[in-house]
Structure formats: C-alpha cells, structure tokens
C-alpha cells in the first residue's frame, strides 16, 4: 500500500481508476444504450467538454500517490476515440501504474491490437454477449457479427495482450449462450466472466426477474464442466473465480445483484466530461474538469480527490430497493 493511500468510511482503499474517454459507441446494446433512447438525434457530450489526453494523463499522475495502481480506459467504445494509442503510450510511462487496460466491444480490436500492445497496454476486456448470430445481432442493436469480435480477440492474444471476455446475461435473451461462450474461452485460453444484468442508469428497463443469478450460471457450467473455486487475488476483485477441474482454464461470475460485493469496492470512475463518480450507481458526480481547467495545482486537485474518497460510503447493491435515486447511464460511466 502506498504511504499516501487513502481509505473511505468502510476502510476501502482507492486502487482502481476507470476513465471514460468517450460517451459514443457504435453498438446499441439493450442493457446499456438501447436504440430507442440513443437514436440519431441523441445529444452526446460536445467534444470541447470531453477530457483531453493531456488532462487524462495529468489526472492519472495526480491519482497515483493516493494509491491508484490500476487504470482502465472505457467508453462508450474507447477505440472510437481518435489517437487512443497515443494516450495509452503516454499513460504507460506513468510511474506507479501496475496495470493498464481497455474495455472494448472488440469491433476495432483486430486493427489496433498490435499498436496498443506496442504502446504499453497490458490487457483488454472484450464484451461479447453471444455467439449465435441472431442473438448477438439483437443484443448489440446494430446487427454486428460475433465473428469479427472473436477475430479481434485472436489478434489481441497474438499481439501478447492479456484478454478476458465479459458477458452480460439476461433472462429470456441469451442464457442459452453461456455454454457456447465457455467452450470458446476454453478453446482460446481466455477467461470468460458472466455478469448479472444490472440496474445501471434509467433507460435499460431493468427488472429483477430478468436477472440470471450467478448461482444458476455456475450450475449450468458445472453440468458440463466440473468446477472448483479460486480464491480472490486481491481485495476488491469483483469476479467470483473458478477453474475447470480438467485443467481447461478459468472462468468467473460477477454477481452485483444477488451476491453484492460493495464492501470491498476500490473503484473510482471518471466520465468522459470529467466528472468523478464514487459508485457505478451514484446520484451525481464531482466536477474534475473544472478543477483541471481552473489553474488549480496538482496538490490542490489531489486533496480534493482525497476528500471525496474519505467521505465515500457507497454500497448501492447492498441496499438496492431502499434508495431509488436517478442513476447515470452505463455508457456515460463506462461500467
């Protein structure tokens, strides 16, 4: 732990910083950016109000002495942001960062994998919700095919990037894709993690009866591939990990709804327009862009960040149903 690391009201250390580099995406996934809401006339954040690469790098350098060790670039779809490889190159030089990752839908991964790895990226997490063409097309909302995503994963692996696959499972939509995706993960040698459909934002029409509990996901997998649990490698790891008893690799489930893990959350999130959120389900963000553009010193901004984290008492998933405040959209925060 850094000598300057800070903890919140539940003794959670700030360790992970997730930065959205754009609120735009080329998918319209039903659980994130449903097409009937995010249509052609939707007003995204004006480009002049989005964090510049210089501001992002400055923010990361400010955050490291607080104990931040992991940086993840998100979106929207981060590979849509022009110059993203240069941003990765800049962030890879920041002393103290131990893990630099990107979350992507994979559509542009194949063409960028080698450059991203050469720039210093460590890992990618690829969102892939189905292999069946019809199911995947319905879920991504734009008719994209899974083959392109899988090819991107192969090229990322060939480039030397670490790869994980995330799958959001929704009742009556894609639970039949669990085992095909497990088989793909075993074939490629990548970890596939299944995420319970979450009530993020106000537009995805979430209901609890649409959630496939992590327990059920494990049971479906166990019916074909015997499993054994794997201990979490650090406090704040959100996935419940398991390995295949036959030596065929690992998988995991993320159970925000049925088995909340708020008490160990170590994440800070920054939206594309520079607002700091202490929880994926937070009421509102704190204006960092204003601080970064106001002439404040690095120390002053770091003190502001530290004060926000020390006051943090978020545990939304543990008290779900007791607090029904409006929540920011997944595409705005980047997950």
Protein backbone atom coordinates (compact mmCIF):
# COMPACT_ATOMS: atom_id res chain seq x y z
CA UNK A 1 0.00 0.00 0.00
CA UNK A 2 1.28 3.44 -0.85
CA UNK A 3 2.26 5.51 2.15
CA UNK A 4 -0.16 8.16 0.90
CA UNK A 5 -3.03 5.81 0.08
CA UNK A 6 -6.43 6.75 1.47
CA UNK A 7 -9.44 4.84 2.70
CA UNK A 8 -13.15 5.63 2.76
CA UNK A 9 -15.71 5.21 5.53
CA UNK A 10 -15.73 1.44 5.06
CA UNK A 11 -11.92 1.21 5.07
CA UNK A 12 -11.80 0.67 1.31
CA UNK A 13 -8.63 1.85 -0.37
CA UNK A 14 -8.71 3.76 -3.66
CA UNK A 15 -6.90 1.41 -6.04
CA UNK A 16 -8.65 1.36 -9.43
CA UNK A 17 -9.34 4.34 -11.67
CA UNK A 18 -11.64 3.84 -14.65
CA UNK A 19 -11.65 6.69 -17.16
CA UNK A 20 -14.22 7.05 -19.93
CA UNK A 21 -12.58 8.58 -23.00
CA UNK A 22 -15.84 8.95 -24.94
CA UNK A 23 -19.57 8.58 -24.40
CA UNK A 24 -20.06 7.47 -28.02
CA UNK A 25 -20.40 3.87 -29.15
CA UNK A 26 -21.03 2.01 -32.38
CA UNK A 27 -23.27 -0.54 -30.61
CA UNK A 28 -26.74 -0.06 -29.18
CA UNK A 29 -26.78 -2.85 -26.62
CA UNK A 30 -30.17 -3.24 -24.99
CA UNK A 31 -28.76 -3.22 -21.43
CA UNK A 32 -26.56 -0.16 -22.00
CA UNK A 33 -27.53 2.12 -24.92
CA UNK A 34 -30.93 0.98 -26.20
CA UNK A 35 -31.52 2.25 -29.73
CA UNK A 36 -34.92 3.75 -28.95
CA UNK A 37 -33.23 6.13 -26.49
CA UNK A 38 -29.81 6.63 -28.08
CA UNK A 39 -31.11 7.32 -31.58
CA UNK A 40 -29.77 9.52 -34.40
CA UNK A 41 -30.84 12.70 -32.62
CA UNK A 42 -29.29 11.83 -29.24
CA UNK A 43 -27.08 14.64 -27.96
CA UNK A 44 -23.70 13.30 -26.88
CA UNK A 45 -21.23 15.35 -24.84
CA UNK A 46 -19.74 18.13 -27.03
CA UNK A 47 -16.14 17.37 -27.96
CA UNK A 48 -14.83 20.53 -26.29
CA UNK A 49 -16.31 19.32 -22.98
CA UNK A 50 -14.50 15.95 -23.08
CA UNK A 51 -11.27 15.40 -21.19
CA UNK A 52 -8.24 15.90 -23.40
CA UNK A 53 -5.47 13.31 -23.41
CA UNK A 54 -3.22 15.79 -21.57
CA UNK A 55 -5.88 16.21 -18.88
CA UNK A 56 -6.30 12.45 -18.55
CA UNK A 57 -2.56 11.92 -18.15
CA UNK A 58 -2.37 14.70 -15.59
CA UNK A 59 -5.25 13.20 -13.65
CA UNK A 60 -3.57 9.78 -13.58
CA UNK A 61 -0.29 11.29 -12.35
CA UNK A 62 -2.20 13.13 -9.62
CA UNK A 63 -4.02 9.96 -8.55
CA UNK A 64 -1.04 7.61 -8.25
CA UNK A 65 0.21 8.99 -4.91
CA UNK A 66 -3.27 8.33 -3.49
CA UNK A 67 -2.75 4.59 -4.04
CA UNK A 68 -4.17 4.18 -7.56
CA UNK A 69 -2.40 1.29 -9.27
CA UNK A 70 -4.80 0.14 -12.00
CA UNK A 71 -6.04 2.27 -14.89
CA UNK A 72 -8.80 1.15 -17.23
CA UNK A 73 -9.88 3.15 -20.27
CA UNK A 74 -13.57 2.76 -21.06
CA UNK A 75 -16.35 4.43 -23.04
CA UNK A 76 -18.73 4.31 -24.78
CA UNK A 77 -16.38 2.46 -27.05
CA UNK A 78 -12.86 3.72 -26.27
CA UNK A 79 -11.34 2.56 -29.56
CA UNK A 80 -13.57 5.09 -31.34
CA UNK A 81 -11.55 7.90 -29.74
CA UNK A 82 -9.05 9.21 -32.27
CA UNK A 83 -5.47 8.89 -31.03
CA UNK A 84 -6.25 6.30 -28.34
CA UNK A 85 -2.92 4.54 -29.00
CA UNK A 86 -1.05 7.74 -28.18
CA UNK A 87 -2.98 8.07 -24.92
CA UNK A 88 -2.03 4.51 -23.97
CA UNK A 89 1.60 5.30 -24.79
CA UNK A 90 1.54 8.34 -22.52
CA UNK A 91 -0.14 6.55 -19.62
CA UNK A 92 2.23 3.60 -19.86
CA UNK A 93 5.06 5.93 -18.80
CA UNK A 94 3.38 6.94 -15.53
CA UNK A 95 5.45 5.55 -12.68
CA UNK A 96 3.41 3.55 -10.19
CA UNK A 97 0.79 2.19 -12.58
CA UNK A 98 0.92 -1.59 -12.41
CA UNK A 99 -1.90 -2.45 -14.80
CA UNK A 100 -3.17 -0.57 -17.85
CA UNK A 101 -6.25 -1.98 -19.54
CA UNK A 102 -9.04 -1.16 -22.00
CA UNK A 103 -12.64 -2.36 -22.08
CA UNK A 104 -13.92 -2.68 -25.66
CA UNK A 105 -16.70 -4.21 -27.71
CA UNK A 106 -13.97 -5.63 -29.92
CA UNK A 107 -15.10 -4.26 -33.28
CA UNK A 108 -11.87 -2.28 -33.73
CA UNK A 109 -9.61 -4.51 -31.68
CA UNK A 110 -8.19 -6.50 -34.58
CA UNK A 111 -6.84 -3.43 -36.37
CA UNK A 112 -5.45 -1.87 -33.16
CA UNK A 113 -4.18 -4.80 -31.08
CA UNK A 114 -0.53 -4.72 -32.14
CA UNK A 115 -0.26 -0.94 -31.82
CA UNK A 116 -1.93 -0.95 -28.40
CA UNK A 117 0.44 -3.62 -27.12
CA UNK A 118 3.47 -1.81 -28.53
CA UNK A 119 2.26 1.38 -26.82
CA UNK A 120 2.29 -0.36 -23.44
CA UNK A 121 -1.23 -1.70 -22.94
CA UNK A 122 -1.33 -4.76 -20.68
CA UNK A 123 -4.84 -6.13 -21.10
CA UNK A 124 -8.17 -5.85 -22.84
CA UNK A 125 -11.58 -6.90 -21.61
CA UNK A 126 -13.86 -7.68 -24.54
CA UNK A 127 -17.65 -7.53 -24.23
CA UNK A 128 -19.24 -10.47 -26.06
CA UNK A 129 -22.78 -11.45 -25.15
CA UNK A 130 -23.48 -14.25 -27.64
CA UNK A 131 -22.05 -16.33 -30.46
CA UNK A 132 -25.34 -17.16 -32.13
CA UNK A 133 -25.67 -14.63 -34.99
CA UNK A 134 -29.33 -13.80 -34.39
CA UNK A 135 -29.00 -13.47 -30.62
CA UNK A 136 -25.87 -11.33 -30.89
CA UNK A 137 -27.40 -9.08 -33.54
CA UNK A 138 -30.46 -8.46 -31.35
CA UNK A 139 -28.32 -7.73 -28.31
CA UNK A 140 -25.89 -5.30 -29.94
CA UNK A 141 -28.72 -3.49 -31.73
CA UNK A 142 -26.80 -2.85 -34.95
CA UNK A 143 -26.57 -6.31 -36.47
CA UNK A 144 -22.86 -6.78 -35.76
CA UNK A 145 -21.47 -10.31 -36.03
CA UNK A 146 -19.58 -12.19 -33.34
CA UNK A 147 -17.01 -13.47 -35.83
CA UNK A 148 -15.38 -10.05 -36.06
CA UNK A 149 -15.13 -9.85 -32.28
CA UNK A 150 -13.60 -13.32 -31.99
CA UNK A 151 -11.06 -12.45 -34.67
CA UNK A 152 -10.15 -9.35 -32.68
CA UNK A 153 -9.62 -11.50 -29.60
CA UNK A 154 -7.33 -13.81 -31.55
CA UNK A 155 -5.27 -10.88 -32.80
CA UNK A 156 -5.05 -9.42 -29.29
CA UNK A 157 -3.74 -12.73 -27.99
CA UNK A 158 -1.26 -12.96 -30.86
CA UNK A 159 -0.04 -9.45 -30.02
CA UNK A 160 0.68 -10.50 -26.44
CA UNK A 161 -2.21 -8.76 -24.72
CA UNK A 162 -3.97 -10.35 -21.78
CA UNK A 163 -7.62 -10.96 -22.68
CA UNK A 164 -10.79 -11.52 -20.69
CA UNK A 165 -14.31 -11.73 -22.06
CA UNK A 166 -17.31 -10.24 -20.26
CA UNK A 167 -20.85 -11.46 -20.97
CA UNK A 168 -23.98 -9.81 -19.60
CA UNK A 169 -26.63 -12.49 -19.12
CA UNK A 170 -30.29 -11.53 -19.42
CA UNK A 171 -33.18 -13.91 -18.74
CA UNK A 172 -35.05 -14.90 -21.88
CA UNK A 173 -32.40 -13.33 -24.10
CA UNK A 174 -29.02 -15.06 -24.02
CA UNK A 175 -28.78 -17.57 -21.17
CA UNK A 176 -28.53 -20.23 -23.87
CA UNK A 177 -25.18 -18.72 -24.87
CA UNK A 178 -23.44 -19.50 -21.57
CA UNK A 179 -22.02 -22.88 -22.53
CA UNK A 180 -21.03 -21.91 -26.10
CA UNK A 181 -19.08 -18.98 -24.67
CA UNK A 182 -17.46 -21.22 -22.05
CA UNK A 183 -16.35 -23.55 -24.82
CA UNK A 184 -14.93 -20.62 -26.79
CA UNK A 185 -13.00 -19.43 -23.74
CA UNK A 186 -11.53 -22.88 -23.22
CA UNK A 187 -10.58 -23.10 -26.90
CA UNK A 188 -8.85 -19.71 -26.91
CA UNK A 189 -7.41 -19.97 -23.41
CA UNK A 190 -9.18 -16.85 -22.13
CA UNK A 191 -11.30 -16.28 -19.04
CA UNK A 192 -14.99 -15.67 -19.70
CA UNK A 193 -16.88 -13.88 -16.91
CA UNK A 194 -20.66 -13.83 -16.75
CA UNK A 195 -22.23 -10.65 -15.35
CA UNK A 196 -25.70 -10.41 -13.86
CA UNK A 197 -27.90 -7.91 -15.71
CA UNK A 198 -27.67 -4.73 -13.61
CA UNK A 199 -29.94 -1.78 -12.96
CA UNK A 200 -27.43 0.77 -14.23
CA UNK A 201 -28.90 4.03 -15.49
CA UNK A 202 -32.54 4.78 -16.20
CA UNK A 203 -33.04 3.50 -19.76
CA UNK A 204 -32.41 -0.27 -19.83
CA UNK A 205 -35.78 -1.23 -18.30
CA UNK A 206 -34.16 -3.44 -15.68
CA UNK A 207 -36.30 -5.81 -13.62
CA UNK A 208 -35.07 -8.40 -11.15
CA UNK A 209 -36.90 -11.19 -12.97
CA UNK A 210 -34.58 -10.58 -15.94
CA UNK A 211 -31.53 -11.43 -13.86
CA UNK A 212 -29.96 -14.87 -14.27
CA UNK A 213 -28.37 -15.39 -10.83
CA UNK A 214 -24.68 -16.20 -10.73
CA UNK A 215 -25.53 -19.40 -8.89
CA UNK A 216 -27.60 -20.59 -11.85
CA UNK A 217 -24.80 -19.67 -14.26
CA UNK A 218 -22.35 -21.76 -12.26
CA UNK A 219 -24.80 -24.67 -12.19
CA UNK A 220 -25.23 -24.56 -15.97
CA UNK A 221 -21.47 -24.64 -16.46
CA UNK A 222 -20.92 -27.31 -13.81
CA UNK A 223 -23.37 -29.61 -15.61
CA UNK A 224 -20.83 -29.96 -18.43
CA UNK A 225 -17.53 -28.90 -16.87
CA UNK A 226 -16.81 -29.73 -13.20
CA UNK A 227 -15.53 -26.64 -11.39
CA UNK A 228 -13.58 -25.71 -8.30
CA UNK A 229 -13.39 -22.22 -6.71
CA UNK A 230 -10.34 -19.98 -6.98
CA UNK A 231 -9.56 -17.55 -4.17
CA UNK A 232 -9.70 -13.85 -4.99
CA UNK A 233 -6.25 -12.47 -5.62
CA UNK A 234 -6.84 -9.06 -4.01
CA UNK A 235 -9.43 -7.11 -2.06
CA UNK A 236 -11.84 -5.50 -4.48
CA UNK A 237 -11.73 -8.19 -7.15
CA UNK A 238 -15.33 -8.29 -8.32
CA UNK A 239 -15.45 -11.69 -10.01
CA UNK A 240 -16.00 -14.95 -8.19
CA UNK A 241 -13.41 -17.04 -9.97
CA UNK A 242 -13.47 -20.77 -10.69
CA UNK A 243 -11.24 -23.16 -12.59
CA UNK A 244 -12.14 -26.20 -14.63
CA UNK A 245 -11.12 -29.39 -12.86
CA UNK A 246 -9.83 -30.87 -16.12
CA UNK A 247 -7.24 -28.10 -16.41
CA UNK A 248 -9.11 -26.21 -19.12
CA UNK A 249 -8.54 -22.75 -17.68
CA UNK A 250 -10.64 -20.36 -15.59
CA UNK A 251 -13.96 -18.57 -15.64
CA UNK A 252 -15.94 -16.34 -13.34
CA UNK A 253 -19.23 -14.73 -12.39
CA UNK A 254 -19.96 -11.17 -11.29
CA UNK A 255 -23.00 -11.08 -9.04
CA UNK A 256 -23.78 -7.45 -8.29
CA UNK A 257 -27.48 -8.18 -7.81
CA UNK A 258 -27.69 -11.45 -5.89
CA UNK A 259 -24.33 -11.51 -4.08
CA UNK A 260 -23.23 -7.87 -3.69
CA UNK A 261 -19.54 -7.07 -3.19
CA UNK A 262 -19.81 -3.38 -2.33
CA UNK A 263 -17.90 -3.69 0.93
CA UNK A 264 -14.67 -4.32 -0.97
CA UNK A 265 -15.10 -1.85 -3.86
CA UNK A 266 -11.89 0.05 -4.66
CA UNK A 267 -13.02 1.85 -7.82
CA UNK A 268 -13.21 5.46 -8.84
CA UNK A 269 -14.85 6.34 -12.15
CA UNK A 270 -14.39 9.42 -14.31
CA UNK A 271 -16.86 10.22 -17.07
CA UNK A 272 -15.80 11.49 -20.48
CA UNK A 273 -16.67 15.05 -19.44
CA UNK A 274 -14.52 14.82 -16.34
CA UNK A 275 -16.97 14.07 -13.56
CA UNK A 276 -15.76 11.83 -10.75
CA UNK A 277 -18.15 9.12 -9.52
CA UNK A 278 -17.52 7.06 -6.41
CA UNK A 279 -20.03 4.38 -7.41
CA UNK A 280 -21.49 2.99 -10.62
CA UNK A 281 -24.91 3.82 -9.13
CA UNK A 282 -24.02 7.24 -7.70
CA UNK A 283 -26.52 10.09 -7.53
CA UNK A 284 -24.14 12.58 -9.10
CA UNK A 285 -20.53 13.20 -10.00
CA UNK A 286 -17.94 15.70 -8.82
CA UNK A 287 -16.58 18.19 -11.34
CA UNK A 288 -12.93 17.36 -12.07
CA UNK A 289 -12.85 19.05 -15.47
CA UNK A 290 -13.47 22.40 -13.84
CA UNK A 291 -10.61 21.81 -11.41
CA UNK A 292 -8.25 20.69 -14.16
CA UNK A 293 -9.02 23.78 -16.26
CA UNK A 294 -9.16 26.30 -13.40
CA UNK A 295 -5.44 26.66 -12.79
CA UNK A 296 -5.51 24.65 -9.55
CA UNK A 297 -2.27 22.94 -8.59
CA UNK A 298 -1.80 19.18 -8.70
CA UNK A 299 -1.68 19.11 -4.90
CA UNK A 300 -4.96 21.00 -4.63
CA UNK A 301 -6.68 18.61 -7.02
CA UNK A 302 -5.20 15.60 -5.21
CA UNK A 303 -6.51 16.96 -1.89
CA UNK A 304 -9.96 17.37 -3.44
CA UNK A 305 -9.90 13.77 -4.69
CA UNK A 306 -8.76 12.51 -1.31
CA UNK A 307 -11.54 14.37 0.46
CA UNK A 308 -14.17 12.91 -1.86
CA UNK A 309 -12.89 9.38 -1.28
CA UNK A 310 -12.66 9.76 2.51
CA UNK A 311 -16.32 10.80 2.60
CA UNK A 312 -17.38 7.87 0.42
CA UNK A 313 -19.92 5.46 1.92
CA UNK A 314 -21.45 3.98 -1.26
CA UNK A 315 -22.90 0.48 -1.09
CA UNK A 316 -25.81 0.62 -3.51
CA UNK A 317 -26.04 -3.08 -4.33
CA UNK A 318 -26.29 -3.97 -0.65
CA UNK A 319 -29.21 -1.61 -0.10
CA UNK A 320 -30.88 -1.98 -3.51
CA UNK A 321 -34.56 -1.10 -3.19
CA UNK A 322 -34.02 1.23 -0.23
CA UNK A 323 -32.79 4.08 -2.42
CA UNK A 324 -34.38 4.76 -5.80
CA UNK A 325 -32.46 7.88 -6.83
CA UNK A 326 -31.75 8.50 -10.54
CA UNK A 327 -28.53 6.88 -11.75
CA UNK A 328 -26.09 7.78 -14.56
CA UNK A 329 -26.08 5.67 -17.69
CA UNK A 330 -23.60 2.83 -18.18
CA UNK A 331 -22.43 4.35 -21.48
CA UNK A 332 -21.69 7.61 -19.66
CA UNK A 333 -19.58 6.00 -16.93
CA UNK A 334 -18.08 3.11 -18.85
CA UNK A 335 -19.08 0.34 -16.46
